[in-house]
Amino acid sequence: MEKKKTTPPKKKATGGAMQLRDLFTDGLKDIYYAENALVKALPEMYENASDPKLKTAIKDHLAQTKQQVVRLEEAFASLGMKAEAKKCPAIEGILEEGRESVSNAAEGPVRDAAIIASSQKVEHYEIASYGTLCAYAKILNEKEALDLLLRTLGEEKKSDCVLTTIADTNLNSQAAAGKHKSKDINAV
């Protein structure tokens, strides 16, 4: 006797189940928290950096991040919502790992390499987050929010490339060679 194939019944969405729009707004709240956390963290990175190009990149990124916060507020407004942050454990973890890495690194090129590595982890998180939010906005036909998010996504990708260029243009080689900016090599 041939067994009849049965498919499991589709689960009906309940009041607690998230819909795509909920995922979208939850993601906006998450990245809004993350961007505001970066506004606070970037000055610390700037103070710990020694390479002039890296310091300039961090300074520029701080200004850009402040604009991205404003852009997120505009995205919330386009949805008829007030900007609201939701604690983002992912960015908290990435930033804490970065602080630890930087504090354990020798001053100079090694510390700069640690700052770049930590910064790129942040950029990759942001790229993933904004990419997902763009996909949601497109499906939900939120054109204004999509345009705003796409601008930020492009900036995040460029920032990642800038960091890679700084690392690849001699900084990582200096770190590997053990070159230090301070006169006392043991003064860390």
N, C-alpha and C. Protein backbone atom coordinates (compact mmCIF):
# COMPACT_ATOMS: atom_id res chain seq x y z
N MET A 1 0.84 -1.17 0.00
CA MET A 1 0.00 0.00 0.00
C MET A 1 0.89 1.24 0.00
N GLU A 2 0.61 2.17 -0.87
CA GLU A 2 1.40 3.40 -1.01
C GLU A 2 0.99 4.40 0.06
N LYS A 3 2.05 4.97 0.72
CA LYS A 3 1.76 5.95 1.76
C LYS A 3 1.45 7.29 1.12
N LYS A 4 0.42 7.89 1.61
CA LYS A 4 0.04 9.20 1.12
C LYS A 4 0.92 10.26 1.79
N LYS A 5 1.53 11.11 0.97
CA LYS A 5 2.37 12.17 1.51
C LYS A 5 1.47 13.27 2.07
N THR A 6 1.82 13.68 3.26
CA THR A 6 1.08 14.79 3.85
C THR A 6 2.05 15.92 4.15
N THR A 7 1.58 17.08 3.96
CA THR A 7 2.40 18.24 4.29
C THR A 7 1.90 18.79 5.61
N PRO A 8 2.82 19.23 6.43
CA PRO A 8 2.37 19.78 7.71
C PRO A 8 1.54 21.03 7.49
N PRO A 9 0.59 21.25 8.34
CA PRO A 9 -0.24 22.45 8.17
C PRO A 9 0.60 23.70 8.34
N LYS A 10 0.26 24.71 7.58
CA LYS A 10 0.96 25.99 7.71
C LYS A 10 0.60 26.61 9.04
N LYS A 11 1.62 27.10 9.71
CA LYS A 11 1.36 27.74 10.99
C LYS A 11 0.74 29.10 10.74
N LYS A 12 -0.29 29.36 11.44
CA LYS A 12 -0.98 30.63 11.32
C LYS A 12 -0.27 31.66 12.18
N ALA A 13 -0.07 32.83 11.61
CA ALA A 13 0.58 33.89 12.37
C ALA A 13 -0.31 34.29 13.53
N THR A 14 0.28 34.37 14.69
CA THR A 14 -0.48 34.77 15.87
C THR A 14 -0.12 36.20 16.22
N GLY A 15 -0.76 36.71 17.23
CA GLY A 15 -0.52 38.09 17.65
C GLY A 15 0.94 38.36 17.99
N GLY A 16 1.67 37.34 18.46
CA GLY A 16 3.05 37.53 18.84
C GLY A 16 4.04 37.34 17.70
N ALA A 17 3.58 36.80 16.58
CA ALA A 17 4.48 36.56 15.46
C ALA A 17 4.83 37.87 14.76
N MET A 18 6.11 38.02 14.46
CA MET A 18 6.54 39.24 13.77
C MET A 18 6.23 39.15 12.28
N GLN A 19 5.77 40.24 11.76
CA GLN A 19 5.55 40.37 10.34
C GLN A 19 6.77 41.08 9.75
N LEU A 20 6.86 41.13 8.43
CA LEU A 20 8.01 41.76 7.79
C LEU A 20 8.14 43.23 8.19
N ARG A 21 7.03 43.94 8.26
CA ARG A 21 7.09 45.35 8.67
C ARG A 21 7.66 45.47 10.08
N ASP A 22 7.30 44.54 10.96
CA ASP A 22 7.84 44.54 12.32
C ASP A 22 9.35 44.30 12.30
N LEU A 23 9.78 43.37 11.45
CA LEU A 23 11.22 43.11 11.32
C LEU A 23 11.94 44.36 10.83
N PHE A 24 11.31 45.04 9.89
CA PHE A 24 11.88 46.26 9.33
C PHE A 24 12.03 47.33 10.40
N THR A 25 10.96 47.63 11.12
CA THR A 25 11.04 48.69 12.13
C THR A 25 11.95 48.26 13.29
N ASP A 26 11.95 47.01 13.64
CA ASP A 26 12.85 46.52 14.68
C ASP A 26 14.31 46.68 14.25
N GLY A 27 14.58 46.40 12.98
CA GLY A 27 15.92 46.58 12.44
C GLY A 27 16.35 48.04 12.41
N LEU A 28 15.41 48.92 12.10
CA LEU A 28 15.70 50.36 12.13
C LEU A 28 16.07 50.81 13.55
N LYS A 29 15.33 50.32 14.53
CA LYS A 29 15.61 50.67 15.92
C LYS A 29 16.98 50.15 16.34
N ASP A 30 17.32 48.98 15.89
CA ASP A 30 18.59 48.35 16.19
C ASP A 30 19.76 49.15 15.61
N ILE A 31 19.67 49.49 14.34
CA ILE A 31 20.78 50.21 13.70
C ILE A 31 20.82 51.66 14.19
N TYR A 32 19.71 52.22 14.59
CA TYR A 32 19.69 53.56 15.18
C TYR A 32 20.48 53.56 16.48
N TYR A 33 20.29 52.55 17.29
CA TYR A 33 21.07 52.39 18.52
C TYR A 33 22.55 52.25 18.16
N ALA A 34 22.84 51.39 17.18
CA ALA A 34 24.23 51.13 16.78
C ALA A 34 24.92 52.41 16.31
N GLU A 35 24.27 53.18 15.48
CA GLU A 35 24.88 54.41 14.96
C GLU A 35 25.13 55.40 16.10
N ASN A 36 24.20 55.52 17.03
CA ASN A 36 24.39 56.42 18.16
C ASN A 36 25.52 55.92 19.07
N ALA A 37 25.66 54.61 19.21
CA ALA A 37 26.77 54.05 19.99
C ALA A 37 28.10 54.38 19.32
N LEU A 38 28.12 54.36 18.00
CA LEU A 38 29.34 54.70 17.25
C LEU A 38 29.72 56.17 17.40
N VAL A 39 28.72 57.03 17.45
CA VAL A 39 29.00 58.45 17.65
C VAL A 39 29.77 58.64 18.97
N LYS A 40 29.47 57.81 19.96
CA LYS A 40 30.16 57.88 21.25
C LYS A 40 31.53 57.18 21.20
N ALA A 41 31.65 56.12 20.41
CA ALA A 41 32.87 55.31 20.39
C ALA A 41 33.96 55.86 19.48
N LEU A 42 33.59 56.52 18.40
CA LEU A 42 34.59 56.98 17.44
C LEU A 42 35.61 57.97 18.01
N PRO A 43 35.23 58.90 18.88
CA PRO A 43 36.25 59.78 19.45
C PRO A 43 37.33 59.01 20.24
N GLU A 44 36.93 57.95 20.91
CA GLU A 44 37.89 57.11 21.63
C GLU A 44 38.86 56.44 20.65
N MET A 45 38.34 55.96 19.53
CA MET A 45 39.19 55.36 18.51
C MET A 45 40.17 56.40 17.96
N TYR A 46 39.67 57.60 17.73
CA TYR A 46 40.51 58.69 17.22
C TYR A 46 41.68 58.95 18.18
N GLU A 47 41.39 59.02 19.46
CA GLU A 47 42.43 59.29 20.46
C GLU A 47 43.48 58.19 20.51
N ASN A 48 43.09 56.96 20.25
CA ASN A 48 44.02 55.83 20.31
C ASN A 48 44.81 55.62 19.02
N ALA A 49 44.36 56.22 17.94
CA ALA A 49 45.03 56.04 16.64
C ALA A 49 46.27 56.94 16.57
N SER A 50 47.27 56.47 15.81
CA SER A 50 48.47 57.30 15.64
C SER A 50 48.72 57.63 14.17
N ASP A 51 48.29 56.79 13.25
CA ASP A 51 48.50 57.02 11.83
C ASP A 51 47.64 58.20 11.37
N PRO A 52 48.24 59.21 10.74
CA PRO A 52 47.47 60.40 10.31
C PRO A 52 46.32 60.06 9.37
N LYS A 53 46.52 59.13 8.46
CA LYS A 53 45.43 58.77 7.53
C LYS A 53 44.28 58.10 8.29
N LEU A 54 44.63 57.27 9.26
CA LEU A 54 43.59 56.60 10.06
C LEU A 54 42.84 57.63 10.90
N LYS A 55 43.56 58.55 11.50
CA LYS A 55 42.91 59.59 12.31
C LYS A 55 41.94 60.42 11.45
N THR A 56 42.37 60.75 10.24
CA THR A 56 41.51 61.50 9.33
C THR A 56 40.28 60.68 8.95
N ALA A 57 40.48 59.39 8.67
CA ALA A 57 39.35 58.52 8.31
C ALA A 57 38.35 58.42 9.46
N ILE A 58 38.84 58.32 10.68
CA ILE A 58 37.95 58.22 11.84
C ILE A 58 37.19 59.53 12.02
N LYS A 59 37.89 60.65 11.91
CA LYS A 59 37.26 61.96 12.05
C LYS A 59 36.16 62.15 10.99
N ASP A 60 36.49 61.79 9.75
CA ASP A 60 35.51 61.88 8.66
C ASP A 60 34.32 60.95 8.92
N HIS A 61 34.62 59.76 9.44
CA HIS A 61 33.55 58.79 9.67
C HIS A 61 32.63 59.25 10.80
N LEU A 62 33.17 59.94 11.79
CA LEU A 62 32.33 60.47 12.86
C LEU A 62 31.32 61.46 12.28
N ALA A 63 31.78 62.37 11.44
CA ALA A 63 30.86 63.34 10.81
C ALA A 63 29.82 62.60 9.97
N GLN A 64 30.26 61.59 9.24
CA GLN A 64 29.35 60.80 8.39
C GLN A 64 28.34 60.05 9.25
N THR A 65 28.79 59.49 10.36
CA THR A 65 27.89 58.73 11.25
C THR A 65 26.82 59.63 11.84
N LYS A 66 27.20 60.85 12.21
CA LYS A 66 26.20 61.80 12.72
C LYS A 66 25.15 62.08 11.65
N GLN A 67 25.56 62.19 10.40
CA GLN A 67 24.61 62.40 9.31
C GLN A 67 23.75 61.16 9.10
N GLN A 68 24.31 59.98 9.30
CA GLN A 68 23.55 58.74 9.15
C GLN A 68 22.47 58.64 10.23
N VAL A 69 22.77 59.14 11.42
CA VAL A 69 21.76 59.18 12.49
C VAL A 69 20.59 60.05 12.05
N VAL A 70 20.90 61.22 11.49
CA VAL A 70 19.86 62.13 10.99
C VAL A 70 19.06 61.44 9.88
N ARG A 71 19.76 60.75 9.00
CA ARG A 71 19.09 60.06 7.89
C ARG A 71 18.16 58.96 8.42
N LEU A 72 18.58 58.26 9.46
CA LEU A 72 17.69 57.25 10.06
C LEU A 72 16.46 57.90 10.67
N GLU A 73 16.64 59.06 11.29
CA GLU A 73 15.49 59.79 11.83
C GLU A 73 14.53 60.17 10.70
N GLU A 74 15.07 60.52 9.54
CA GLU A 74 14.22 60.81 8.38
C GLU A 74 13.51 59.56 7.89
N ALA A 75 14.19 58.42 7.95
CA ALA A 75 13.56 57.16 7.54
C ALA A 75 12.40 56.81 8.48
N PHE A 76 12.62 56.97 9.78
CA PHE A 76 11.52 56.74 10.73
C PHE A 76 10.36 57.68 10.40
N ALA A 77 10.66 58.95 10.18
CA ALA A 77 9.61 59.93 9.87
C ALA A 77 8.85 59.55 8.61
N SER A 78 9.55 59.02 7.61
CA SER A 78 8.88 58.62 6.37
C SER A 78 7.89 57.48 6.60
N LEU A 79 8.08 56.77 7.71
CA LEU A 79 7.17 55.68 8.07
C LEU A 79 6.09 56.15 9.05
N GLY A 80 6.13 57.46 9.37
CA GLY A 80 5.17 58.01 10.33
C GLY A 80 5.52 57.65 11.76
N MET A 81 6.79 57.41 12.03
CA MET A 81 7.23 57.00 13.36
C MET A 81 8.26 57.99 13.91
N LYS A 82 8.32 58.04 15.22
CA LYS A 82 9.38 58.79 15.88
C LYS A 82 10.59 57.86 15.99
N ALA A 83 11.78 58.40 15.78
CA ALA A 83 13.00 57.60 15.88
C ALA A 83 13.11 57.03 17.29
N GLU A 84 13.39 55.74 17.33
CA GLU A 84 13.48 55.05 18.61
C GLU A 84 14.61 54.03 18.52
N ALA A 85 15.42 53.99 19.56
CA ALA A 85 16.53 53.03 19.60
C ALA A 85 16.13 51.80 20.41
N LYS A 86 16.64 50.67 19.97
CA LYS A 86 16.48 49.41 20.70
C LYS A 86 17.89 48.89 20.94
N LYS A 87 18.21 48.58 22.18
CA LYS A 87 19.57 48.14 22.50
C LYS A 87 20.00 47.04 21.55
N CYS A 88 21.20 47.21 21.02
CA CYS A 88 21.76 46.29 20.04
C CYS A 88 22.92 45.52 20.67
N PRO A 89 22.67 44.31 21.15
CA PRO A 89 23.74 43.52 21.77
C PRO A 89 24.90 43.24 20.80
N ALA A 90 24.60 43.15 19.52
CA ALA A 90 25.65 42.87 18.53
C ALA A 90 26.68 43.99 18.50
N ILE A 91 26.24 45.23 18.39
CA ILE A 91 27.19 46.34 18.32
C ILE A 91 27.90 46.51 19.65
N GLU A 92 27.19 46.27 20.75
CA GLU A 92 27.82 46.35 22.07
C GLU A 92 28.98 45.35 22.15
N GLY A 93 28.75 44.13 21.67
CA GLY A 93 29.79 43.11 21.68
C GLY A 93 30.96 43.45 20.78
N ILE A 94 30.66 43.94 19.59
CA ILE A 94 31.72 44.31 18.65
C ILE A 94 32.57 45.45 19.22
N LEU A 95 31.92 46.44 19.81
CA LEU A 95 32.65 47.58 20.38
C LEU A 95 33.48 47.15 21.59
N GLU A 96 32.92 46.30 22.43
CA GLU A 96 33.66 45.83 23.61
C GLU A 96 34.87 45.01 23.18
N GLU A 97 34.68 44.13 22.21
CA GLU A 97 35.81 43.36 21.69
C GLU A 97 36.88 44.28 21.12
N GLY A 98 36.46 45.32 20.42
CA GLY A 98 37.39 46.29 19.86
C GLY A 98 38.16 47.03 20.94
N ARG A 99 37.46 47.47 21.99
CA ARG A 99 38.15 48.17 23.08
C ARG A 99 39.21 47.28 23.72
N GLU A 100 38.86 46.03 23.92
CA GLU A 100 39.80 45.08 24.52
C GLU A 100 41.01 44.87 23.61
N SER A 101 40.77 44.67 22.34
CA SER A 101 41.84 44.46 21.37
C SER A 101 42.77 45.67 21.31
N VAL A 102 42.19 46.85 21.27
CA VAL A 102 42.98 48.09 21.18
C VAL A 102 43.78 48.29 22.47
N SER A 103 43.17 48.04 23.61
CA SER A 103 43.88 48.27 24.88
C SER A 103 45.03 47.29 25.08
N ASN A 104 44.96 46.12 24.45
CA ASN A 104 46.03 45.12 24.57
C ASN A 104 47.11 45.27 23.50
N ALA A 105 46.91 46.15 22.53
CA ALA A 105 47.85 46.30 21.42
C ALA A 105 48.91 47.35 21.75
N ALA A 106 50.11 47.08 21.26
CA ALA A 106 51.20 48.05 21.43
C ALA A 106 50.86 49.34 20.70
N GLU A 107 51.23 50.45 21.30
CA GLU A 107 50.98 51.76 20.69
C GLU A 107 51.68 51.85 19.35
N GLY A 108 51.05 52.51 18.40
CA GLY A 108 51.63 52.69 17.07
C GLY A 108 50.92 51.83 16.05
N PRO A 109 51.65 51.30 15.07
CA PRO A 109 51.03 50.55 13.97
C PRO A 109 50.23 49.33 14.42
N VAL A 110 50.66 48.66 15.49
CA VAL A 110 49.90 47.49 15.95
C VAL A 110 48.54 47.92 16.49
N ARG A 111 48.54 48.99 17.27
CA ARG A 111 47.26 49.50 17.79
C ARG A 111 46.40 50.01 16.64
N ASP A 112 47.01 50.68 15.68
CA ASP A 112 46.26 51.15 14.51
C ASP A 112 45.64 49.97 13.75
N ALA A 113 46.40 48.88 13.63
CA ALA A 113 45.88 47.69 12.96
C ALA A 113 44.69 47.12 13.73
N ALA A 114 44.77 47.15 15.06
CA ALA A 114 43.65 46.68 15.89
C ALA A 114 42.43 47.58 15.72
N ILE A 115 42.67 48.89 15.62
CA ILE A 115 41.55 49.83 15.41
C ILE A 115 40.89 49.56 14.06
N ILE A 116 41.71 49.34 13.05
CA ILE A 116 41.15 49.06 11.71
C ILE A 116 40.35 47.76 11.73
N ALA A 117 40.89 46.72 12.34
CA ALA A 117 40.18 45.43 12.40
C ALA A 117 38.85 45.59 13.12
N SER A 118 38.87 46.30 14.24
CA SER A 118 37.63 46.52 15.00
C SER A 118 36.64 47.37 14.20
N SER A 119 37.16 48.38 13.54
CA SER A 119 36.30 49.25 12.73
C SER A 119 35.68 48.50 11.57
N GLN A 120 36.44 47.60 10.96
CA GLN A 120 35.88 46.84 9.84
C GLN A 120 34.81 45.86 10.31
N LYS A 121 34.95 45.34 11.51
CA LYS A 121 33.88 44.48 12.04
C LYS A 121 32.60 45.29 12.19
N VAL A 122 32.75 46.52 12.65
CA VAL A 122 31.59 47.41 12.76
C VAL A 122 31.01 47.67 11.37
N GLU A 123 31.87 48.00 10.41
CA GLU A 123 31.40 48.28 9.05
C GLU A 123 30.66 47.09 8.46
N HIS A 124 31.19 45.90 8.67
CA HIS A 124 30.55 44.71 8.09
C HIS A 124 29.19 44.45 8.75
N TYR A 125 29.09 44.71 10.04
CA TYR A 125 27.80 44.60 10.71
C TYR A 125 26.82 45.61 10.12
N GLU A 126 27.29 46.84 9.92
CA GLU A 126 26.43 47.87 9.36
C GLU A 126 26.02 47.54 7.92
N ILE A 127 26.96 47.05 7.14
CA ILE A 127 26.65 46.68 5.75
C ILE A 127 25.57 45.60 5.72
N ALA A 128 25.72 44.59 6.58
CA ALA A 128 24.71 43.53 6.65
C ALA A 128 23.35 44.09 7.09
N SER A 129 23.38 44.95 8.09
CA SER A 129 22.12 45.51 8.61
C SER A 129 21.44 46.40 7.57
N TYR A 130 22.19 47.31 6.98
CA TYR A 130 21.59 48.20 5.98
C TYR A 130 21.16 47.45 4.73
N GLY A 131 21.91 46.44 4.34
CA GLY A 131 21.52 45.63 3.19
C GLY A 131 20.18 44.95 3.41
N THR A 132 20.02 44.39 4.60
CA THR A 132 18.75 43.73 4.96
C THR A 132 17.61 44.74 5.01
N LEU A 133 17.87 45.89 5.64
CA LEU A 133 16.83 46.92 5.74
C LEU A 133 16.42 47.44 4.36
N CYS A 134 17.38 47.56 3.46
CA CYS A 134 17.06 47.97 2.08
C CYS A 134 16.15 46.95 1.40
N ALA A 135 16.46 45.67 1.59
CA ALA A 135 15.63 44.62 1.00
C ALA A 135 14.20 44.68 1.55
N TYR A 136 14.08 44.88 2.86
CA TYR A 136 12.75 44.99 3.46
C TYR A 136 12.02 46.22 2.92
N ALA A 137 12.70 47.36 2.88
CA ALA A 137 12.06 48.60 2.41
C ALA A 137 11.57 48.44 0.97
N LYS A 138 12.36 47.75 0.17
CA LYS A 138 11.97 47.54 -1.24
C LYS A 138 10.70 46.70 -1.32
N ILE A 139 10.66 45.60 -0.59
CA ILE A 139 9.49 44.71 -0.60
C ILE A 139 8.26 45.42 -0.03
N LEU A 140 8.48 46.23 0.99
CA LEU A 140 7.37 46.94 1.63
C LEU A 140 6.98 48.22 0.89
N ASN A 141 7.67 48.50 -0.21
CA ASN A 141 7.41 49.67 -1.04
C ASN A 141 7.55 50.98 -0.27
N GLU A 142 8.56 51.01 0.59
CA GLU A 142 8.88 52.22 1.36
C GLU A 142 10.01 52.94 0.63
N LYS A 143 9.64 53.62 -0.45
CA LYS A 143 10.64 54.21 -1.36
C LYS A 143 11.51 55.27 -0.70
N GLU A 144 10.93 56.14 0.09
CA GLU A 144 11.72 57.20 0.73
C GLU A 144 12.73 56.59 1.70
N ALA A 145 12.27 55.67 2.53
CA ALA A 145 13.18 55.00 3.46
C ALA A 145 14.25 54.24 2.69
N LEU A 146 13.86 53.58 1.60
CA LEU A 146 14.82 52.84 0.79
C LEU A 146 15.92 53.75 0.27
N ASP A 147 15.55 54.89 -0.28
CA ASP A 147 16.55 55.84 -0.80
C ASP A 147 17.52 56.28 0.29
N LEU A 148 17.00 56.58 1.47
CA LEU A 148 17.84 57.01 2.58
C LEU A 148 18.80 55.89 3.01
N LEU A 149 18.26 54.68 3.11
CA LEU A 149 19.06 53.54 3.55
C LEU A 149 20.12 53.15 2.52
N LEU A 150 19.77 53.26 1.25
CA LEU A 150 20.75 52.94 0.19
C LEU A 150 21.93 53.92 0.22
N ARG A 151 21.66 55.18 0.50
CA ARG A 151 22.75 56.17 0.60
C ARG A 151 23.72 55.77 1.71
N THR A 152 23.16 55.39 2.85
CA THR A 152 24.00 54.99 3.97
C THR A 152 24.74 53.70 3.67
N LEU A 153 24.08 52.75 3.04
CA LEU A 153 24.73 51.49 2.68
C LEU A 153 25.95 51.75 1.80
N GLY A 154 25.80 52.64 0.84
CA GLY A 154 26.93 52.98 -0.03
C GLY A 154 28.07 53.60 0.76
N GLU A 155 27.75 54.47 1.70
CA GLU A 155 28.79 55.09 2.54
C GLU A 155 29.52 54.05 3.38
N GLU A 156 28.77 53.09 3.92
CA GLU A 156 29.40 52.07 4.76
C GLU A 156 30.36 51.21 3.93
N LYS A 157 29.98 50.90 2.73
CA LYS A 157 30.86 50.12 1.86
C LYS A 157 32.13 50.90 1.53
N LYS A 158 31.99 52.21 1.27
CA LYS A 158 33.15 53.05 0.99
C LYS A 158 34.06 53.14 2.21
N SER A 159 33.48 53.27 3.38
CA SER A 159 34.27 53.34 4.61
C SER A 159 35.08 52.07 4.81
N ASP A 160 34.48 50.94 4.52
CA ASP A 160 35.19 49.67 4.63
C ASP A 160 36.38 49.64 3.66
N CYS A 161 36.19 50.14 2.46
CA CYS A 161 37.28 50.19 1.47
C CYS A 161 38.39 51.13 1.91
N VAL A 162 38.03 52.26 2.51
CA VAL A 162 39.03 53.21 2.99
C VAL A 162 39.89 52.54 4.07
N LEU A 163 39.26 51.84 4.98
CA LEU A 163 40.01 51.16 6.04
C LEU A 163 40.94 50.10 5.47
N THR A 164 40.46 49.35 4.49
CA THR A 164 41.31 48.34 3.84
C THR A 164 42.51 48.99 3.17
N THR A 165 42.29 50.10 2.50
CA THR A 165 43.38 50.81 1.83
C THR A 165 44.42 51.29 2.83
N ILE A 166 43.97 51.85 3.94
CA ILE A 166 44.91 52.32 4.96
C ILE A 166 45.73 51.15 5.50
N ALA A 167 45.07 50.05 5.78
CA ALA A 167 45.78 48.87 6.31
C ALA A 167 46.76 48.33 5.28
N ASP A 168 46.34 48.29 4.02
CA ASP A 168 47.19 47.72 2.96
C ASP A 168 48.33 48.62 2.54
N THR A 169 48.23 49.92 2.79
CA THR A 169 49.30 50.83 2.37
C THR A 169 50.30 51.00 3.51
N ASN A 170 50.97 49.93 3.79
CA ASN A 170 52.13 49.91 4.68
C ASN A 170 51.82 49.76 6.17
N LEU A 171 50.63 50.09 6.65
CA LEU A 171 50.37 50.04 8.08
C LEU A 171 50.51 48.62 8.63
N ASN A 172 49.90 47.64 7.99
CA ASN A 172 50.01 46.26 8.47
C ASN A 172 51.45 45.76 8.37
N SER A 173 52.18 46.19 7.35
CA SER A 173 53.59 45.80 7.23
C SER A 173 54.40 46.38 8.38
N GLN A 174 54.13 47.63 8.74
CA GLN A 174 54.81 48.25 9.87
C GLN A 174 54.49 47.51 11.17
N ALA A 175 53.22 47.13 11.32
CA ALA A 175 52.81 46.40 12.52
C ALA A 175 53.52 45.05 12.59
N ALA A 176 53.63 44.37 11.46
CA ALA A 176 54.30 43.06 11.42
C ALA A 176 55.79 43.19 11.72
N ALA A 177 56.38 44.31 11.29
CA ALA A 177 57.81 44.52 11.52
C ALA A 177 58.10 44.99 12.95
N GLY A 178 57.05 45.28 13.69
CA GLY A 178 57.23 45.70 15.07
C GLY A 178 57.65 47.13 15.22
N LYS A 179 57.39 47.95 14.21
CA LYS A 179 57.75 49.37 14.31
C LYS A 179 56.77 50.06 15.25
N HIS A 180 57.29 50.96 16.06
CA HIS A 180 56.48 51.68 17.04
C HIS A 180 56.68 53.17 16.85
N LYS A 181 55.63 53.90 17.11
CA LYS A 181 55.70 55.36 17.00
C LYS A 181 56.38 55.96 18.23
N SER A 182 56.20 55.31 19.40
CA SER A 182 56.79 55.87 20.61
C SER A 182 58.28 55.58 20.64
N LYS A 183 59.03 56.44 21.35
CA LYS A 183 60.48 56.26 21.43
C LYS A 183 60.84 55.09 22.31
N ASP A 184 60.10 54.86 23.38
CA ASP A 184 60.37 53.75 24.29
C ASP A 184 59.49 52.57 23.88
N ILE A 185 60.11 51.56 23.33
CA ILE A 185 59.37 50.41 22.80
C ILE A 185 58.63 49.66 23.90
N ASN A 186 59.08 49.80 25.14
CA ASN A 186 58.42 49.09 26.25
C ASN A 186 57.42 49.97 26.99
N ALA A 187 57.15 51.13 26.47
CA ALA A 187 56.29 52.09 27.16
C ALA A 187 54.82 51.88 26.88
N VAL A 188 54.38 50.66 26.80
CA VAL A 188 52.97 50.42 26.53
C VAL A 188 52.34 49.71 27.69
